[in-house]
Amino acid sequence: MSRGEKLFSLFNYLFMIVLLILMLYPFWYLMMGSISDAKLAAGGGLFLIPAGFSLDAYKAILSNSSFLSSLKTTVIVTLAGTFLGTFFTATTAYAISKKRLRGGGLVSFLILFTMLFNGGLVPSYLLVKMLNMMNTIWALILPNLLSAFNIFVMRSFFKGIPDTLEEAAKIDGANDLTIFFKIVLPLSKPVLATIGLFIAVFYWNDFFSTILYISDKEKWQLQAFLRDIISNTAQVVKSSSGVGMGMQSSVSEFTVRMASIIVATTPILIVYPFLQKHFAKGAMIGSIKG
């Protein structure tokens, strides 16, 4: 390796290390701030290490009576929405990826049209209301079930599967459903993992649907619950201050906000490493084929 190549490699390593630090520090800052002592954290700073140590901010959030119900709702919505969304995205994308589909070009155009124009917020709200889904879990799942972007990414992947596989299966007597479930889907694990992760992250982070369609706080999703906490941190701090026992609050608005963000993002961060291999492969293949 020449001297120039060594210097170039060294520069790349240094650049990637600096980039890694810049990307990780915001999350590290949130974590250190969330477990810091409220009084010491009030002074601000870089928070490379926690200022003191206290888990009271997490206790203030987790002890809230609405936390478990909102977590339960979010888990149900995320699991159901991810499964149904991935399944119907796959069936739609597979259908329009086949030239033998009559009117397939028109269907693809109509799906693409929704990426550019949509009815807007008011028609969506009226549709959910007319279908009697207001204040139900289905209002959190069905309106966001399909995405035109996800459909076209998966369609591109399906177009890359050789037609000879399906022709061979048909010669052996397989019908379209058998081909789809036993041949196409097993070969599509990378793109299914990719789209599934997209959908899961969206449902997990969605709070606007809750605000729009759900009036009962017991049916709120976790993000809406945490947003309410962040918006009313003063009340959370007051409720955790040990009123009646002469105890001074060990949490602050700062630590509660930091802890709320950590609670909201940690579950997705735990899931992502298990899908990273398929995610990278699926995103690359789905973006360059077809």
Protein backbone atom coordinates (compact mmCIF):
# COMPACT_ATOMS: atom_id res chain seq x y z
CA MET A 1 0.00 0.00 0.00
CA SER A 2 1.45 3.34 -1.05
CA ARG A 3 1.83 6.31 1.28
CA GLY A 4 -1.04 8.13 -0.42
CA GLU A 5 -3.36 5.15 0.06
CA LYS A 6 -2.38 4.92 3.75
CA LEU A 7 -3.12 8.62 4.27
CA PHE A 8 -6.44 8.25 2.46
CA SER A 9 -7.40 5.25 4.63
CA LEU A 10 -6.38 7.14 7.77
CA PHE A 11 -8.48 10.12 6.72
CA ASN A 12 -11.47 7.83 6.10
CA TYR A 13 -11.13 6.23 9.53
CA LEU A 14 -10.86 9.60 11.26
CA PHE A 15 -13.80 10.98 9.31
CA MET A 16 -15.99 7.96 10.18
CA ILE A 17 -15.00 8.18 13.86
CA VAL A 18 -15.92 11.87 14.00
CA LEU A 19 -19.19 11.17 12.15
CA LEU A 20 -19.98 8.33 14.57
CA ILE A 21 -19.41 10.60 17.56
CA LEU A 22 -21.63 13.31 16.08
CA MET A 23 -24.41 10.79 15.50
CA LEU A 24 -24.19 9.04 18.87
CA TYR A 25 -23.67 12.02 21.14
CA PRO A 26 -27.25 13.40 20.97
CA PHE A 27 -28.63 10.07 22.17
CA TRP A 28 -25.85 9.77 24.78
CA TYR A 29 -26.69 13.31 25.95
CA LEU A 30 -30.34 12.34 26.39
CA MET A 31 -29.45 9.19 28.30
CA MET A 32 -26.98 10.89 30.63
CA GLY A 33 -29.37 13.78 31.20
CA SER A 34 -32.25 11.44 32.01
CA ILE A 35 -30.34 9.65 34.79
CA SER A 36 -28.75 12.79 36.24
CA ASP A 37 -29.70 14.36 39.53
CA ALA A 38 -32.30 17.08 38.98
CA LYS A 39 -30.40 19.82 40.85
CA LEU A 40 -27.04 19.06 39.23
CA ALA A 41 -28.59 18.71 35.76
CA ALA A 42 -30.09 22.19 36.04
CA GLY A 43 -26.62 23.63 35.44
CA GLY A 44 -26.53 22.16 31.92
CA GLY A 45 -23.28 21.09 30.26
CA LEU A 46 -22.10 18.38 27.88
CA PHE A 47 -23.23 15.40 30.01
CA LEU A 48 -20.45 13.05 28.94
CA ILE A 49 -21.20 11.37 32.26
CA PRO A 50 -24.33 11.80 34.39
CA ALA A 51 -24.35 14.67 36.86
CA GLY A 52 -24.99 12.59 39.94
CA PHE A 53 -27.30 9.65 39.51
CA SER A 54 -31.07 9.35 39.80
CA LEU A 55 -33.76 7.22 38.17
CA ASP A 56 -36.57 9.32 39.59
CA ALA A 57 -37.45 10.79 36.19
CA TYR A 58 -38.15 7.29 34.88
CA LYS A 59 -40.10 6.47 38.03
CA ALA A 60 -42.23 9.58 37.51
CA ILE A 61 -43.12 8.42 33.99
CA LEU A 62 -43.54 4.70 34.64
CA SER A 63 -45.60 5.25 37.79
CA ASN A 64 -48.17 7.24 35.84
CA SER A 65 -51.44 5.29 35.76
CA SER A 66 -51.86 5.85 32.02
CA PHE A 67 -48.43 4.55 31.04
CA LEU A 68 -49.28 0.84 30.95
CA SER A 69 -52.51 1.38 29.04
CA SER A 70 -50.78 3.57 26.45
CA LEU A 71 -47.94 1.07 26.12
CA LYS A 72 -50.42 -1.76 25.63
CA THR A 73 -52.28 0.19 22.94
CA THR A 74 -49.05 1.04 21.13
CA VAL A 75 -47.80 -2.55 21.16
CA ILE A 76 -51.11 -3.85 19.80
CA VAL A 77 -51.31 -1.16 17.12
CA THR A 78 -47.67 -1.63 16.10
CA LEU A 79 -47.85 -5.44 15.88
CA ALA A 80 -51.21 -5.52 14.11
CA GLY A 81 -50.39 -2.59 11.82
CA THR A 82 -46.99 -4.02 10.90
CA PHE A 83 -48.36 -7.48 10.09
CA LEU A 84 -51.38 -6.26 8.14
CA GLY A 85 -49.49 -3.43 6.47
CA THR A 86 -46.64 -5.69 5.32
CA PHE A 87 -49.06 -8.38 4.11
CA PHE A 88 -51.30 -6.06 2.10
CA THR A 89 -48.31 -4.14 0.76
CA ALA A 90 -46.85 -7.43 -0.48
CA THR A 91 -50.09 -8.61 -2.09
CA THR A 92 -50.65 -5.25 -3.80
CA ALA A 93 -47.05 -4.93 -4.98
CA TYR A 94 -46.99 -8.52 -6.28
CA ALA A 95 -50.17 -8.00 -8.29
CA ILE A 96 -49.05 -4.80 -10.03
CA SER A 97 -45.57 -6.24 -10.68
CA LYS A 98 -47.09 -8.73 -13.16
CA LYS A 99 -47.64 -7.68 -16.76
CA ARG A 100 -50.52 -10.12 -17.07
CA LEU A 101 -52.63 -8.06 -14.68
CA ARG A 102 -55.33 -6.31 -16.69
CA GLY A 103 -55.35 -2.62 -15.96
CA GLY A 104 -52.14 -2.95 -13.96
CA GLY A 105 -50.73 0.22 -15.47
CA LEU A 106 -53.81 2.19 -14.44
CA VAL A 107 -53.70 0.76 -10.92
CA SER A 108 -50.01 1.67 -10.62
CA PHE A 109 -50.77 5.20 -11.81
CA LEU A 110 -53.58 5.62 -9.28
CA ILE A 111 -51.29 4.45 -6.47
CA LEU A 112 -48.56 6.80 -7.66
CA PHE A 113 -51.11 9.62 -7.86
CA THR A 114 -51.74 9.35 -4.12
CA MET A 115 -48.06 10.17 -3.49
CA LEU A 116 -48.57 13.53 -5.18
CA PHE A 117 -52.15 14.42 -4.23
CA ASN A 118 -54.48 13.32 -1.45
CA GLY A 119 -57.84 14.32 -0.09
CA GLY A 120 -56.40 16.05 2.96
CA LEU A 121 -57.05 15.94 6.67
CA VAL A 122 -60.75 16.84 6.73
CA PRO A 123 -61.92 14.11 4.27
CA SER A 124 -59.82 11.55 6.14
CA TYR A 125 -61.41 12.56 9.43
CA LEU A 126 -64.92 12.45 7.95
CA LEU A 127 -64.26 9.02 6.43
CA VAL A 128 -63.12 7.57 9.75
CA LYS A 129 -66.14 9.13 11.45
CA MET A 130 -68.60 7.79 8.84
CA LEU A 131 -67.13 4.29 9.25
CA ASN A 132 -67.80 4.51 13.03
CA MET A 133 -64.13 4.00 13.87
CA MET A 134 -63.78 7.06 16.07
CA ASN A 135 -62.30 6.26 19.48
CA THR A 136 -61.45 2.69 18.41
CA ILE A 137 -58.13 0.98 17.82
CA TRP A 138 -58.98 0.55 14.13
CA ALA A 139 -58.76 4.31 13.66
CA LEU A 140 -55.09 4.01 14.60
CA ILE A 141 -54.40 1.12 12.20
CA LEU A 142 -56.48 1.23 9.02
CA PRO A 143 -55.97 4.84 7.79
CA ASN A 144 -52.19 4.32 7.70
CA LEU A 145 -52.14 0.71 6.56
CA LEU A 146 -50.74 1.20 3.04
CA SER A 147 -48.08 3.52 1.69
CA ALA A 148 -47.50 4.11 -2.01
CA PHE A 149 -43.76 4.40 -1.42
CA ASN A 150 -43.62 0.99 0.29
CA ILE A 151 -45.68 -0.58 -2.48
CA PHE A 152 -43.34 0.62 -5.21
CA VAL A 153 -40.22 -0.44 -3.30
CA MET A 154 -41.64 -3.94 -2.92
CA ARG A 155 -42.86 -4.02 -6.51
CA SER A 156 -39.31 -3.30 -7.69
CA PHE A 157 -38.09 -6.24 -5.62
CA PHE A 158 -40.74 -8.60 -7.01
CA LYS A 159 -39.84 -7.62 -10.56
CA GLY A 160 -36.33 -8.89 -9.89
CA ILE A 161 -37.58 -12.43 -9.17
CA PRO A 162 -37.17 -14.55 -12.37
CA ASP A 163 -40.44 -15.46 -14.08
CA THR A 164 -38.99 -18.90 -14.78
CA LEU A 165 -39.47 -19.83 -11.11
CA GLU A 166 -43.20 -19.21 -11.36
CA GLU A 167 -43.44 -20.95 -14.72
CA ALA A 168 -41.72 -24.02 -13.30
CA ALA A 169 -44.06 -24.01 -10.31
CA LYS A 170 -47.11 -23.77 -12.59
CA ILE A 171 -45.88 -26.75 -14.60
CA ASP A 172 -45.79 -28.69 -11.32
CA GLY A 173 -49.41 -27.72 -10.69
CA ALA A 174 -49.01 -24.78 -8.30
CA ASN A 175 -51.62 -22.02 -8.42
CA ASP A 176 -51.03 -18.30 -7.88
CA LEU A 177 -51.58 -18.44 -4.11
CA THR A 178 -49.18 -21.35 -3.71
CA ILE A 179 -46.55 -19.53 -5.76
CA PHE A 180 -46.98 -16.35 -3.75
CA PHE A 181 -46.84 -17.92 -0.28
CA LYS A 182 -44.34 -20.74 -0.88
CA ILE A 183 -41.99 -19.22 -3.46
CA VAL A 184 -42.24 -15.44 -3.64
CA LEU A 185 -42.53 -14.57 0.05
CA PRO A 186 -39.68 -16.88 1.23
CA LEU A 187 -37.42 -15.25 -1.39
CA SER A 188 -38.52 -11.77 -0.28
CA LYS A 189 -37.39 -11.82 3.37
CA PRO A 190 -34.99 -8.85 2.94
CA VAL A 191 -37.59 -6.51 1.47
CA LEU A 192 -40.29 -7.77 3.85
CA ALA A 193 -38.00 -6.98 6.80
CA THR A 194 -37.26 -3.55 5.34
CA ILE A 195 -40.88 -2.59 4.74
CA GLY A 196 -41.91 -4.14 8.05
CA LEU A 197 -39.38 -1.96 9.86
CA PHE A 198 -40.60 1.14 8.02
CA ILE A 199 -44.19 0.39 9.01
CA ALA A 200 -43.33 -0.55 12.62
CA VAL A 201 -41.36 2.66 13.18
CA PHE A 202 -44.22 4.72 11.76
CA TYR A 203 -46.87 3.09 13.98
CA TRP A 204 -44.65 3.29 17.05
CA ASN A 205 -43.92 6.99 16.54
CA ASP A 206 -47.43 7.97 15.46
CA PHE A 207 -49.16 10.34 17.84
CA PHE A 208 -51.19 12.52 15.48
CA SER A 209 -53.74 9.77 14.76
CA THR A 210 -54.37 9.45 18.49
CA ILE A 211 -54.93 13.18 18.89
CA LEU A 212 -57.19 13.24 15.85
CA TYR A 213 -59.35 10.17 16.38
CA ILE A 214 -59.11 9.15 20.06
CA SER A 215 -60.81 11.12 22.82
CA ASP A 216 -60.47 8.53 25.60
CA LYS A 217 -57.05 8.91 27.21
CA GLU A 218 -57.08 5.27 28.24
CA LYS A 219 -56.83 4.41 24.53
CA TRP A 220 -54.01 6.82 23.75
CA GLN A 221 -50.80 5.56 22.19
CA LEU A 222 -47.50 5.86 24.00
CA GLN A 223 -46.22 8.76 21.90
CA ALA A 224 -49.32 10.82 22.61
CA PHE A 225 -48.99 9.99 26.32
CA LEU A 226 -45.32 11.05 26.36
CA ARG A 227 -46.13 14.17 24.38
CA ASP A 228 -48.71 15.06 27.01
CA ILE A 229 -46.11 14.52 29.73
CA ILE A 230 -43.55 16.71 27.95
CA SER A 231 -46.18 19.41 27.47
CA ASN A 232 -47.11 19.26 31.15
CA THR A 233 -43.77 18.55 32.79
CA ALA A 234 -44.46 21.04 35.56
CA GLN A 235 -47.44 18.97 36.65
CA VAL A 236 -45.42 15.75 36.49
CA VAL A 237 -42.69 17.29 38.63
CA LYS A 238 -45.28 18.49 41.13
CA SER A 239 -46.96 15.07 41.33
CA SER A 240 -43.61 13.40 42.06
CA SER A 241 -42.46 15.90 44.67
CA GLY A 242 -43.63 13.90 47.67
CA VAL A 243 -46.39 16.29 48.70
CA GLY A 244 -47.43 15.65 52.29
CA MET A 245 -44.09 14.08 53.27
CA GLY A 246 -42.00 17.24 53.29
CA MET A 247 -39.82 15.86 50.51
CA GLN A 248 -38.31 18.06 47.84
CA SER A 249 -38.76 16.95 44.25
CA SER A 250 -35.88 14.86 42.88
CA VAL A 251 -36.96 15.38 39.27
CA SER A 252 -37.07 18.41 37.02
CA GLU A 253 -38.65 19.36 33.73
CA PHE A 254 -35.30 18.73 32.02
CA THR A 255 -34.83 15.17 33.33
CA VAL A 256 -38.46 14.26 32.65
CA ARG A 257 -38.17 15.40 29.03
CA MET A 258 -34.95 13.46 28.54
CA ALA A 259 -36.41 10.31 30.09
CA SER A 260 -39.55 10.59 27.97
CA ILE A 261 -37.53 10.61 24.76
CA ILE A 262 -35.46 7.62 25.89
CA VAL A 263 -38.61 5.66 26.76
CA ALA A 264 -40.07 6.43 23.33
CA THR A 265 -37.02 5.46 21.25
CA THR A 266 -35.47 2.51 23.12
CA PRO A 267 -37.88 -0.26 21.95
CA ILE A 268 -37.24 0.48 18.26
CA LEU A 269 -33.49 0.65 18.90
CA ILE A 270 -33.67 -2.82 20.47
CA VAL A 271 -35.53 -4.28 17.48
CA TYR A 272 -33.40 -2.69 14.76
CA PRO A 273 -30.17 -4.76 15.21
CA PHE A 274 -32.10 -7.98 14.59
CA LEU A 275 -33.37 -6.63 11.23
CA GLN A 276 -30.30 -4.67 10.18
CA LYS A 277 -28.90 -7.37 7.87
CA HIS A 278 -32.17 -7.82 5.99
CA PHE A 279 -32.89 -4.08 6.13
CA ALA A 280 -29.69 -3.08 4.31
CA LYS A 281 -30.07 -5.78 1.65
CA GLY A 282 -33.76 -5.14 1.07
CA ALA A 283 -33.40 -1.38 0.78
CA MET A 284 -30.56 -1.74 -1.73
CA ILE A 285 -32.28 -4.33 -3.92
CA GLY A 286 -35.65 -2.61 -3.82
CA SER A 287 -34.11 0.70 -4.83
CA ILE A 288 -32.04 -0.36 -7.86
CA LYS A 289 -34.11 -2.99 -9.63
CA GLY A 290 -37.05 -2.47 -11.96
